Amino acid sequence: MNMPIVDIILATFNGESYIDALLDSIFNQTYIAWRLLIRDDCSSDATVTIIKSFADKYPEKIVVLDNKNIRLGVVGNFNALLNKSSARYIMFADQDDIWLPHKIELTLSKAIESDNHDNVPLLVHTDLCVVDKNLIQLSKSFWSYQAIDPARAVKLKDVMIQNVVTGCTMLINRSLAEISMPIPSESKMHDWWIAMVASAFGKIEFIPESTILYRQHGKNDTGAKRWNLYNSFKYIFLGRKLHQRIIDTENQALIFLRAYQDRLTNQQAVTLQMFGTLDEKNFFVRRFIALGLGLRKHKILRSIGLYVFM
């Protein structure tokens, strides 16, 4: 049986501190049929030098895209990489993490098991081990650390209000890649957008095993904060910041509706429209609609925050 090629796409920016460790971990994978596509977003540190040294050493494994000295941002960078990918299966990498040796093998096995080659969009994601900048373990499970349940995040109405898919654990198939592109610059993050697409038109599978050391170092684009009593009440009292986050999520729902209105079921379109326009309604109507849609986040205090500040 031929081993399918997996494209790994890596968007980099000023990642000199940790990127060599990431690249070493990719080269230490038990599954070897992969190709690494890298696009640097005009780093000002030694990131490009490190990348080129690996590419020169392994030209058959690494493709470095020409960035034409143009900054695209995180979403734009991943868009450019997705456009260059040609494999049936695609994985995403973050520059500051470390892949555990079985990451590709485990995730790909789940994908092949779930992928019927019927062009159904597919997303597979896994748990993560949370570590500090020196790789000291903070939690063996990111899902537990954040108090999230991936089993409750497979339907569009749930994914649109809270993303639990971490991009650096994702594997997607070609069908999902094609229907997701281009990811709008207004989307909150590329992984959230792709998860919404998968929940709307395909399927999301998850593996309750950590495949990555998820490094927390204070400069992460998105980070992990332990969901404990202090942080949960702190979340509730974010006030205006929490309200703005909800508004941003509503706007993303409307962008998604406009992008896929011809593909969505009537129920999906109604849900996106009603959620996306909540801020146009008065205090009581907003909450009545949200209750009618069955909107809730993971953990009761997050849901309270949603209903208090929407």
C-alpha atoms as a PDB file:
ATOM      1  CA  MET A   1       0.000   0.000   0.000  1.00  0.00           C
ATOM      2  CA  ASN A   2       1.356   3.411  -0.985  1.00  0.00           C
ATOM      3  CA  MET A   3       1.864   5.845   1.840  1.00  0.00           C
ATOM      4  CA  PRO A   4      -0.071   9.053   1.132  1.00  0.00           C
ATOM      5  CA  ILE A   5       1.988  12.211   1.090  1.00  0.00           C
ATOM      6  CA  VAL A   6       1.084  14.675   3.831  1.00  0.00           C
ATOM      7  CA  ASP A   7       1.746  18.362   3.243  1.00  0.00           C
ATOM      8  CA  ILE A   8       2.736  20.203   6.412  1.00  0.00           C
ATOM      9  CA  ILE A   9       2.282  23.952   6.143  1.00  0.00           C
ATOM     10  CA  LEU A  10       4.262  26.261   8.410  1.00  0.00           C
ATOM     11  CA  ALA A  11       3.693  30.018   8.626  1.00  0.00           C
ATOM     12  CA  THR A  12       6.608  31.731  10.354  1.00  0.00           C
ATOM     13  CA  PHE A  13       7.333  35.181  11.766  1.00  0.00           C
ATOM     14  CA  ASN A  14      10.175  36.102  14.115  1.00  0.00           C
ATOM     15  CA  GLY A  15      10.424  32.571  15.443  1.00  0.00           C
ATOM     16  CA  GLU A  16      14.187  32.180  15.833  1.00  0.00           C
ATOM     17  CA  SER A  17      13.959  31.118  19.482  1.00  0.00           C
ATOM     18  CA  TYR A  18      12.110  27.872  18.930  1.00  0.00           C
ATOM     19  CA  ILE A  19      11.785  27.026  15.246  1.00  0.00           C
ATOM     20  CA  ASP A  20      14.824  24.749  15.070  1.00  0.00           C
ATOM     21  CA  ALA A  21      13.269  22.559  17.793  1.00  0.00           C
ATOM     22  CA  LEU A  22      10.020  22.355  15.822  1.00  0.00           C
ATOM     23  CA  LEU A  23      11.826  21.390  12.628  1.00  0.00           C
ATOM     24  CA  ASP A  24      13.858  18.736  14.443  1.00  0.00           C
ATOM     25  CA  SER A  25      10.637  17.255  15.838  1.00  0.00           C
ATOM     26  CA  ILE A  26       9.084  17.062  12.370  1.00  0.00           C
ATOM     27  CA  PHE A  27      12.140  15.252  11.060  1.00  0.00           C
ATOM     28  CA  ASN A  28      11.851  12.817  13.989  1.00  0.00           C
ATOM     29  CA  GLN A  29       8.339  11.658  13.026  1.00  0.00           C
ATOM     30  CA  THR A  30       7.594   7.948  12.741  1.00  0.00           C
ATOM     31  CA  TYR A  31       5.729   8.677   9.495  1.00  0.00           C
ATOM     32  CA  ILE A  32       8.147   9.797   6.807  1.00  0.00           C
ATOM     33  CA  ALA A  33       5.993  10.460   3.724  1.00  0.00           C
ATOM     34  CA  TRP A  34       5.597  14.181   4.245  1.00  0.00           C
ATOM     35  CA  ARG A  35       6.578  17.460   2.613  1.00  0.00           C
ATOM     36  CA  LEU A  36       7.051  20.722   4.518  1.00  0.00           C
ATOM     37  CA  LEU A  37       5.915  23.996   2.947  1.00  0.00           C
ATOM     38  CA  ILE A  38       7.154  27.144   4.706  1.00  0.00           C
ATOM     39  CA  ARG A  39       6.326  30.794   4.128  1.00  0.00           C
ATOM     40  CA  ASP A  40       7.970  33.438   6.282  1.00  0.00           C
ATOM     41  CA  ASP A  41       6.042  36.665   6.801  1.00  0.00           C
ATOM     42  CA  CYS A  42       9.032  39.016   6.554  1.00  0.00           C
ATOM     43  CA  SER A  43      10.768  38.193   9.824  1.00  0.00           C
ATOM     44  CA  SER A  44      13.331  40.649  11.184  1.00  0.00           C
ATOM     45  CA  ASP A  45      15.273  38.039  13.166  1.00  0.00           C
ATOM     46  CA  ALA A  46      17.205  34.917  12.157  1.00  0.00           C
ATOM     47  CA  THR A  47      14.135  32.814  11.324  1.00  0.00           C
ATOM     48  CA  VAL A  48      14.783  32.813   7.575  1.00  0.00           C
ATOM     49  CA  THR A  49      18.436  31.876   8.058  1.00  0.00           C
ATOM     50  CA  ILE A  50      17.419  28.861  10.161  1.00  0.00           C
ATOM     51  CA  ILE A  51      14.778  27.824   7.634  1.00  0.00           C
ATOM     52  CA  LYS A  52      17.203  28.065   4.728  1.00  0.00           C
ATOM     53  CA  SER A  53      19.798  25.976   6.523  1.00  0.00           C
ATOM     54  CA  PHE A  54      17.254  23.170   6.931  1.00  0.00           C
ATOM     55  CA  ALA A  55      16.014  23.589   3.340  1.00  0.00           C
ATOM     56  CA  ASP A  56      19.568  23.407   1.987  1.00  0.00           C
ATOM     57  CA  LYS A  57      20.167  20.232   3.968  1.00  0.00           C
ATOM     58  CA  TYR A  58      16.853  18.586   3.032  1.00  0.00           C
ATOM     59  CA  PRO A  59      15.817  20.023  -0.360  1.00  0.00           C
ATOM     60  CA  GLU A  60      13.641  16.994  -1.122  1.00  0.00           C
ATOM     61  CA  LYS A  61      11.558  17.559   2.036  1.00  0.00           C
ATOM     62  CA  ILE A  62      11.255  21.354   2.384  1.00  0.00           C
ATOM     63  CA  VAL A  63       9.768  23.921   0.017  1.00  0.00           C
ATOM     64  CA  VAL A  64      10.272  27.574   0.981  1.00  0.00           C
ATOM     65  CA  LEU A  65       7.786  29.936  -0.654  1.00  0.00           C
ATOM     66  CA  ASP A  66       8.907  33.279  -1.997  1.00  0.00           C
ATOM     67  CA  ASN A  67       7.159  35.893   0.152  1.00  0.00           C
ATOM     68  CA  LYS A  68       7.999  38.696  -2.322  1.00  0.00           C
ATOM     69  CA  ASN A  69       8.739  40.846   0.755  1.00  0.00           C
ATOM     70  CA  ILE A  70       5.017  41.153   1.457  1.00  0.00           C
ATOM     71  CA  ARG A  71       3.523  40.869   4.947  1.00  0.00           C
ATOM     72  CA  LEU A  72       0.256  38.922   4.863  1.00  0.00           C
ATOM     73  CA  GLY A  73      -0.493  38.337   8.540  1.00  0.00           C
ATOM     74  CA  VAL A  74      -1.328  34.942  10.047  1.00  0.00           C
ATOM     75  CA  VAL A  75      -4.475  34.220   8.019  1.00  0.00           C
ATOM     76  CA  GLY A  76      -2.977  35.509   4.768  1.00  0.00           C
ATOM     77  CA  ASN A  77       0.182  33.489   5.333  1.00  0.00           C
ATOM     78  CA  PHE A  78      -1.788  30.270   5.755  1.00  0.00           C
ATOM     79  CA  ASN A  79      -3.895  31.141   2.708  1.00  0.00           C
ATOM     80  CA  ALA A  80      -0.735  31.401   0.609  1.00  0.00           C
ATOM     81  CA  LEU A  81       0.498  28.059   1.929  1.00  0.00           C
ATOM     82  CA  LEU A  82      -2.827  26.321   1.317  1.00  0.00           C
ATOM     83  CA  ASN A  83      -2.781  27.586  -2.253  1.00  0.00           C
ATOM     84  CA  LYS A  84       0.599  25.916  -2.809  1.00  0.00           C
ATOM     85  CA  SER A  85      -0.356  22.615  -1.213  1.00  0.00           C
ATOM     86  CA  SER A  86      -1.327  19.745  -3.503  1.00  0.00           C
ATOM     87  CA  ALA A  87      -1.507  16.711  -1.184  1.00  0.00           C
ATOM     88  CA  ARG A  88      -4.716  14.924  -0.242  1.00  0.00           C
ATOM     89  CA  TYR A  89      -3.966  15.518   3.450  1.00  0.00           C
ATOM     90  CA  ILE A  90      -2.646  18.730   4.999  1.00  0.00           C
ATOM     91  CA  MET A  91      -1.379  19.423   8.505  1.00  0.00           C
ATOM     92  CA  PHE A  92      -0.669  22.793  10.126  1.00  0.00           C
ATOM     93  CA  ALA A  93       2.392  23.677  12.204  1.00  0.00           C
ATOM     94  CA  ASP A  94       3.152  26.529  14.606  1.00  0.00           C
ATOM     95  CA  GLN A  95       6.745  27.695  14.869  1.00  0.00           C
ATOM     96  CA  ASP A  96       7.107  27.402  18.641  1.00  0.00           C
ATOM     97  CA  ASP A  97       5.734  23.917  19.353  1.00  0.00           C
ATOM     98  CA  ILE A  98       7.284  20.457  19.365  1.00  0.00           C
ATOM     99  CA  TRP A  99       5.618  17.533  17.610  1.00  0.00           C
ATOM    100  CA  LEU A 100       5.601  14.225  19.460  1.00  0.00           C
ATOM    101  CA  PRO A 101       7.050  11.443  17.281  1.00  0.00           C
ATOM    102  CA  HIS A 102       3.727   9.734  16.499  1.00  0.00           C
ATOM    103  CA  LYS A 103       1.798  12.911  15.626  1.00  0.00           C
ATOM    104  CA  ILE A 104       1.517  12.420  11.863  1.00  0.00           C
ATOM    105  CA  GLU A 105       1.063   8.645  12.048  1.00  0.00           C
ATOM    106  CA  LEU A 106      -1.706   8.801  14.655  1.00  0.00           C
ATOM    107  CA  THR A 107      -3.642  11.666  13.076  1.00  0.00           C
ATOM    108  CA  LEU A 108      -3.331  10.338   9.545  1.00  0.00           C
ATOM    109  CA  SER A 109      -4.538   6.874  10.612  1.00  0.00           C
ATOM    110  CA  LYS A 110      -7.687   8.449  12.045  1.00  0.00           C
ATOM    111  CA  ALA A 111      -8.177  10.493   8.883  1.00  0.00           C
ATOM    112  CA  ILE A 112      -7.809   7.503   6.573  1.00  0.00           C
ATOM    113  CA  GLU A 113     -10.238   5.543   8.747  1.00  0.00           C
ATOM    114  CA  SER A 114     -12.796   8.375   8.533  1.00  0.00           C
ATOM    115  CA  ASP A 115     -12.184   9.492   4.942  1.00  0.00           C
ATOM    116  CA  ASN A 116     -14.329   7.545   2.508  1.00  0.00           C
ATOM    117  CA  HIS A 117     -12.821   9.283  -0.531  1.00  0.00           C
ATOM    118  CA  ASP A 118     -16.289  10.662  -1.266  1.00  0.00           C
ATOM    119  CA  ASN A 119     -15.181  14.317  -1.237  1.00  0.00           C
ATOM    120  CA  VAL A 120     -16.704  14.944   2.196  1.00  0.00           C
ATOM    121  CA  PRO A 121     -14.696  17.666   3.972  1.00  0.00           C
ATOM    122  CA  LEU A 122     -12.853  16.168   6.931  1.00  0.00           C
ATOM    123  CA  LEU A 123     -11.013  17.660   9.892  1.00  0.00           C
ATOM    124  CA  VAL A 124      -9.162  15.622  12.513  1.00  0.00           C
ATOM    125  CA  HIS A 125      -7.665  17.261  15.595  1.00  0.00           C
ATOM    126  CA  THR A 126      -6.063  16.112  18.824  1.00  0.00           C
ATOM    127  CA  ASP A 127      -5.375  17.127  22.385  1.00  0.00           C
ATOM    128  CA  LEU A 128      -2.145  18.920  23.351  1.00  0.00           C
ATOM    129  CA  CYS A 129       0.291  18.775  26.242  1.00  0.00           C
ATOM    130  CA  VAL A 130       0.711  22.289  27.683  1.00  0.00           C
ATOM    131  CA  VAL A 131       4.293  23.221  28.580  1.00  0.00           C
ATOM    132  CA  ASP A 132       6.126  26.398  29.524  1.00  0.00           C
ATOM    133  CA  LYS A 133       8.905  27.977  27.481  1.00  0.00           C
ATOM    134  CA  ASN A 134      11.401  25.495  28.953  1.00  0.00           C
ATOM    135  CA  LEU A 135       9.155  22.516  28.110  1.00  0.00           C
ATOM    136  CA  ILE A 136       8.163  21.930  31.730  1.00  0.00           C
ATOM    137  CA  GLN A 137       4.710  20.361  31.730  1.00  0.00           C
ATOM    138  CA  LEU A 138       1.824  22.518  32.931  1.00  0.00           C
ATOM    139  CA  SER A 139      -0.899  20.064  31.957  1.00  0.00           C
ATOM    140  CA  LYS A 140      -0.898  16.772  30.084  1.00  0.00           C
ATOM    141  CA  SER A 141      -4.236  17.774  28.511  1.00  0.00           C
ATOM    142  CA  PHE A 142      -5.007  21.166  26.966  1.00  0.00           C
ATOM    143  CA  TRP A 143      -8.681  20.214  26.813  1.00  0.00           C
ATOM    144  CA  SER A 144      -8.744  19.604  30.567  1.00  0.00           C
ATOM    145  CA  TYR A 145      -6.600  22.692  31.212  1.00  0.00           C
ATOM    146  CA  GLN A 146      -9.094  24.849  29.309  1.00  0.00           C
ATOM    147  CA  ALA A 147     -12.196  22.924  30.447  1.00  0.00           C
ATOM    148  CA  ILE A 148     -13.433  22.203  26.920  1.00  0.00           C
ATOM    149  CA  ASP A 149     -15.099  19.122  25.473  1.00  0.00           C
ATOM    150  CA  PRO A 150     -14.384  18.402  21.790  1.00  0.00           C
ATOM    151  CA  ALA A 151     -17.381  16.064  21.620  1.00  0.00           C
ATOM    152  CA  ARG A 152     -19.582  19.141  21.988  1.00  0.00           C
ATOM    153  CA  ALA A 153     -17.911  20.983  19.120  1.00  0.00           C
ATOM    154  CA  VAL A 154     -18.950  19.218  15.933  1.00  0.00           C
ATOM    155  CA  LYS A 155     -22.097  21.161  14.960  1.00  0.00           C
ATOM    156  CA  LEU A 156     -22.011  24.593  13.325  1.00  0.00           C
ATOM    157  CA  LYS A 157     -24.113  26.309  16.006  1.00  0.00           C
ATOM    158  CA  ASP A 158     -21.616  25.213  18.657  1.00  0.00           C
ATOM    159  CA  VAL A 159     -18.438  25.876  16.669  1.00  0.00           C
ATOM    160  CA  MET A 160     -19.543  29.362  15.585  1.00  0.00           C
ATOM    161  CA  ILE A 161     -19.623  30.654  19.176  1.00  0.00           C
ATOM    162  CA  GLN A 162     -16.539  28.896  20.572  1.00  0.00           C
ATOM    163  CA  ASN A 163     -13.629  27.273  18.795  1.00  0.00           C
ATOM    164  CA  VAL A 164     -12.005  24.239  20.410  1.00  0.00           C
ATOM    165  CA  VAL A 165      -9.912  23.161  17.413  1.00  0.00           C
ATOM    166  CA  THR A 166      -6.257  24.117  17.825  1.00  0.00           C
ATOM    167  CA  GLY A 167      -4.735  24.676  14.396  1.00  0.00           C
ATOM    168  CA  CYS A 168      -1.365  23.077  15.116  1.00  0.00           C
ATOM    169  CA  THR A 169      -3.110  19.736  15.774  1.00  0.00           C
ATOM    170  CA  MET A 170      -5.307  19.813  12.655  1.00  0.00           C
ATOM    171  CA  LEU A 171      -5.229  17.505   9.695  1.00  0.00           C
ATOM    172  CA  ILE A 172      -7.652  18.306   6.875  1.00  0.00           C
ATOM    173  CA  ASN A 173      -8.388  16.598   3.578  1.00  0.00           C
ATOM    174  CA  ARG A 174      -8.225  18.164   0.135  1.00  0.00           C
ATOM    175  CA  SER A 175     -11.981  18.667  -0.038  1.00  0.00           C
ATOM    176  CA  LEU A 176     -12.011  20.750   3.143  1.00  0.00           C
ATOM    177  CA  ALA A 177      -8.996  22.760   2.001  1.00  0.00           C
ATOM    178  CA  GLU A 178     -10.635  23.663  -1.291  1.00  0.00           C
ATOM    179  CA  ILE A 179     -13.982  24.677   0.172  1.00  0.00           C
ATOM    180  CA  SER A 180     -12.310  26.707   2.952  1.00  0.00           C
ATOM    181  CA  MET A 181     -10.230  28.905   0.638  1.00  0.00           C
ATOM    182  CA  PRO A 182      -9.738  31.729   0.589  1.00  0.00           C
ATOM    183  CA  ILE A 183     -10.024  32.219   4.325  1.00  0.00           C
ATOM    184  CA  PRO A 184     -11.305  35.801   4.783  1.00  0.00           C
ATOM    185  CA  SER A 185      -8.937  38.226   6.442  1.00  0.00           C
ATOM    186  CA  GLU A 186     -11.843  39.228   8.717  1.00  0.00           C
ATOM    187  CA  SER A 187     -12.062  35.719  10.219  1.00  0.00           C
ATOM    188  CA  LYS A 188     -10.913  35.499  13.816  1.00  0.00           C
ATOM    189  CA  MET A 189      -8.366  32.751  13.069  1.00  0.00           C
ATOM    190  CA  HIS A 190      -7.704  30.301  10.257  1.00  0.00           C
ATOM    191  CA  ASP A 191      -8.367  27.240  12.432  1.00  0.00           C
ATOM    192  CA  TRP A 192     -11.710  28.600  13.649  1.00  0.00           C
ATOM    193  CA  TRP A 193     -12.836  29.307  10.089  1.00  0.00           C
ATOM    194  CA  ILE A 194     -11.803  25.865   8.841  1.00  0.00           C
ATOM    195  CA  ALA A 195     -13.548  24.224  11.809  1.00  0.00           C
ATOM    196  CA  MET A 196     -16.754  26.097  10.941  1.00  0.00           C
ATOM    197  CA  VAL A 197     -16.516  24.906   7.342  1.00  0.00           C
ATOM    198  CA  ALA A 198     -15.979  21.307   8.472  1.00  0.00           C
ATOM    199  CA  SER A 199     -18.907  21.468  10.897  1.00  0.00           C
ATOM    200  CA  ALA A 200     -21.204  22.934   8.242  1.00  0.00           C
ATOM    201  CA  PHE A 201     -20.370  20.731   5.263  1.00  0.00           C
ATOM    202  CA  GLY A 202     -18.386  17.745   6.479  1.00  0.00           C
ATOM    203  CA  LYS A 203     -17.283  16.188   9.723  1.00  0.00           C
ATOM    204  CA  ILE A 204     -14.940  16.817  12.624  1.00  0.00           C
ATOM    205  CA  GLU A 205     -13.165  13.909  14.300  1.00  0.00           C
ATOM    206  CA  PHE A 206     -10.959  14.150  17.360  1.00  0.00           C
ATOM    207  CA  ILE A 207      -8.358  12.030  19.096  1.00  0.00           C
ATOM    208  CA  PRO A 208      -8.220  12.249  22.928  1.00  0.00           C
ATOM    209  CA  GLU A 209      -4.444  12.031  22.979  1.00  0.00           C
ATOM    210  CA  SER A 210      -1.821  14.745  23.033  1.00  0.00           C
ATOM    211  CA  THR A 211       0.373  14.864  19.933  1.00  0.00           C
ATOM    212  CA  ILE A 212       2.211  18.094  20.562  1.00  0.00           C
ATOM    213  CA  LEU A 213       4.068  20.018  23.241  1.00  0.00           C
ATOM    214  CA  TYR A 214       2.151  23.303  23.189  1.00  0.00           C
ATOM    215  CA  ARG A 215       4.702  25.844  24.323  1.00  0.00           C
ATOM    216  CA  GLN A 216       3.506  28.866  26.311  1.00  0.00           C
ATOM    217  CA  HIS A 217       5.993  31.722  26.348  1.00  0.00           C
ATOM    218  CA  GLY A 218       4.069  35.001  26.512  1.00  0.00           C
ATOM    219  CA  LYS A 219       4.293  35.797  22.790  1.00  0.00           C
ATOM    220  CA  ASN A 220       1.821  33.216  21.487  1.00  0.00           C
ATOM    221  CA  ASP A 221      -0.794  34.500  19.025  1.00  0.00           C
ATOM    222  CA  THR A 222      -3.267  32.479  21.035  1.00  0.00           C
ATOM    223  CA  GLY A 223      -2.369  30.972  24.368  1.00  0.00           C
ATOM    224  CA  ALA A 224      -3.598  28.584  27.013  1.00  0.00           C
ATOM    225  CA  LYS A 225      -4.911  29.791  30.359  1.00  0.00           C
ATOM    226  CA  ARG A 226      -5.963  27.307  33.020  1.00  0.00           C
ATOM    227  CA  TRP A 227      -9.730  27.324  33.591  1.00  0.00           C
ATOM    228  CA  ASN A 228      -9.892  27.611  37.360  1.00  0.00           C
ATOM    229  CA  LEU A 229     -12.183  29.502  39.727  1.00  0.00           C
ATOM    230  CA  TYR A 230     -10.130  32.699  39.556  1.00  0.00           C
ATOM    231  CA  ASN A 231      -9.867  32.792  35.767  1.00  0.00           C
ATOM    232  CA  SER A 232     -13.501  31.805  35.300  1.00  0.00           C
ATOM    233  CA  PHE A 233     -14.726  34.755  37.375  1.00  0.00           C
ATOM    234  CA  LYS A 234     -12.144  36.988  35.717  1.00  0.00           C
ATOM    235  CA  TYR A 235     -13.679  35.912  32.394  1.00  0.00           C
ATOM    236  CA  ILE A 236     -17.131  36.948  33.579  1.00  0.00           C
ATOM    237  CA  PHE A 237     -15.947  40.407  34.591  1.00  0.00           C
ATOM    238  CA  LEU A 238     -14.139  41.239  31.365  1.00  0.00           C
ATOM    239  CA  GLY A 239     -17.121  43.480  30.615  1.00  0.00           C
ATOM    240  CA  ARG A 240     -16.570  45.520  27.475  1.00  0.00           C
ATOM    241  CA  LYS A 241     -13.779  43.248  26.243  1.00  0.00           C
ATOM    242  CA  LEU A 242     -16.047  40.223  26.454  1.00  0.00           C
ATOM    243  CA  HIS A 243     -18.840  42.112  24.706  1.00  0.00           C
ATOM    244  CA  GLN A 244     -16.465  43.030  21.870  1.00  0.00           C
ATOM    245  CA  ARG A 245     -15.357  39.409  21.557  1.00  0.00           C
ATOM    246  CA  ILE A 246     -18.989  38.382  21.171  1.00  0.00           C
ATOM    247  CA  ILE A 247     -19.533  41.105  18.548  1.00  0.00           C
ATOM    248  CA  ASP A 248     -16.487  39.856  16.637  1.00  0.00           C
ATOM    249  CA  THR A 249     -17.886  36.324  16.743  1.00  0.00           C
ATOM    250  CA  GLU A 250     -21.240  37.562  15.459  1.00  0.00           C
ATOM    251  CA  ASN A 251     -19.505  39.374  12.602  1.00  0.00           C
ATOM    252  CA  GLN A 252     -17.611  36.205  11.701  1.00  0.00           C
ATOM    253  CA  ALA A 253     -20.946  34.337  11.524  1.00  0.00           C
ATOM    254  CA  LEU A 254     -22.288  36.908   9.026  1.00  0.00           C
ATOM    255  CA  ILE A 255     -19.094  36.689   6.939  1.00  0.00           C
ATOM    256  CA  PHE A 256     -19.491  32.915   6.905  1.00  0.00           C
ATOM    257  CA  LEU A 257     -23.129  33.250   5.852  1.00  0.00           C
ATOM    258  CA  ARG A 258     -22.211  35.519   2.943  1.00  0.00           C
ATOM    259  CA  ALA A 259     -19.385  33.227   1.839  1.00  0.00           C
ATOM    260  CA  TYR A 260     -21.451  30.029   1.813  1.00  0.00           C
ATOM    261  CA  GLN A 261     -25.084  31.091   1.512  1.00  0.00           C
ATOM    262  CA  ASP A 262     -25.594  28.917  -1.596  1.00  0.00           C
ATOM    263  CA  ARG A 263     -24.299  25.790   0.180  1.00  0.00           C
ATOM    264  CA  LEU A 264     -25.880  26.118   3.615  1.00  0.00           C
ATOM    265  CA  THR A 265     -29.053  24.363   4.687  1.00  0.00           C
ATOM    266  CA  ASN A 266     -31.953  26.632   5.527  1.00  0.00           C
ATOM    267  CA  GLN A 267     -31.516  25.905   9.244  1.00  0.00           C
ATOM    268  CA  GLN A 268     -27.813  26.720   9.134  1.00  0.00           C
ATOM    269  CA  ALA A 269     -28.459  29.981   7.285  1.00  0.00           C
ATOM    270  CA  VAL A 270     -31.168  31.009   9.753  1.00  0.00           C
ATOM    271  CA  THR A 271     -28.921  30.199  12.721  1.00  0.00           C
ATOM    272  CA  LEU A 272     -26.020  32.244  11.328  1.00  0.00           C
ATOM    273  CA  GLN A 273     -28.289  35.148  10.418  1.00  0.00           C
ATOM    274  CA  MET A 274     -30.031  35.251  13.793  1.00  0.00           C
ATOM    275  CA  PHE A 275     -26.784  34.970  15.743  1.00  0.00           C
ATOM    276  CA  GLY A 276     -24.929  37.396  13.502  1.00  0.00           C
ATOM    277  CA  THR A 277     -27.547  40.114  13.960  1.00  0.00           C
ATOM    278  CA  LEU A 278     -28.103  39.722  17.700  1.00  0.00           C
ATOM    279  CA  ASP A 279     -26.505  43.085  18.438  1.00  0.00           C
ATOM    280  CA  GLU A 280     -29.202  44.797  16.375  1.00  0.00           C
ATOM    281  CA  LYS A 281     -31.895  43.557  18.781  1.00  0.00           C
ATOM    282  CA  ASN A 282     -32.835  44.891  22.195  1.00  0.00           C
ATOM    283  CA  PHE A 283     -31.644  43.398  25.484  1.00  0.00           C
ATOM    284  CA  PHE A 284     -34.490  40.932  25.975  1.00  0.00           C
ATOM    285  CA  VAL A 285     -34.868  39.850  22.340  1.00  0.00           C
ATOM    286  CA  ARG A 286     -31.146  39.038  22.077  1.00  0.00           C
ATOM    287  CA  ARG A 287     -31.340  36.627  24.969  1.00  0.00           C
ATOM    288  CA  PHE A 288     -34.646  35.135  23.827  1.00  0.00           C
ATOM    289  CA  ILE A 289     -33.152  34.379  20.390  1.00  0.00           C
ATOM    290  CA  ALA A 290     -29.956  32.938  21.888  1.00  0.00           C
ATOM    291  CA  LEU A 291     -31.976  30.636  24.139  1.00  0.00           C
ATOM    292  CA  GLY A 292     -34.099  29.588  21.181  1.00  0.00           C
ATOM    293  CA  LEU A 293     -30.983  28.714  19.197  1.00  0.00           C
ATOM    294  CA  GLY A 294     -29.662  26.711  22.136  1.00  0.00           C
ATOM    295  CA  LEU A 295     -26.424  28.692  22.302  1.00  0.00           C
ATOM    296  CA  ARG A 296     -24.075  27.726  25.098  1.00  0.00           C
ATOM    297  CA  LYS A 297     -20.355  27.632  25.690  1.00  0.00           C
ATOM    298  CA  HIS A 298     -18.233  25.081  27.487  1.00  0.00           C
ATOM    299  CA  LYS A 299     -18.743  25.443  31.247  1.00  0.00           C
ATOM    300  CA  ILE A 300     -21.622  27.310  32.841  1.00  0.00           C
ATOM    301  CA  LEU A 301     -19.644  30.465  33.666  1.00  0.00           C
ATOM    302  CA  ARG A 302     -18.673  30.936  30.007  1.00  0.00           C
ATOM    303  CA  SER A 303     -22.332  30.614  29.065  1.00  0.00           C
ATOM    304  CA  ILE A 304     -23.262  33.132  31.761  1.00  0.00           C
ATOM    305  CA  GLY A 305     -20.694  35.517  30.317  1.00  0.00           C
ATOM    306  CA  LEU A 306     -22.182  35.012  26.850  1.00  0.00           C
ATOM    307  CA  TYR A 307     -25.720  35.843  27.999  1.00  0.00           C
ATOM    308  CA  VAL A 308     -24.714  38.713  30.291  1.00  0.00           C
ATOM    309  CA  PHE A 309     -22.567  40.571  27.763  1.00  0.00           C
ATOM    310  CA  MET A 310     -24.137  39.703  24.389  1.00  0.00           C
END
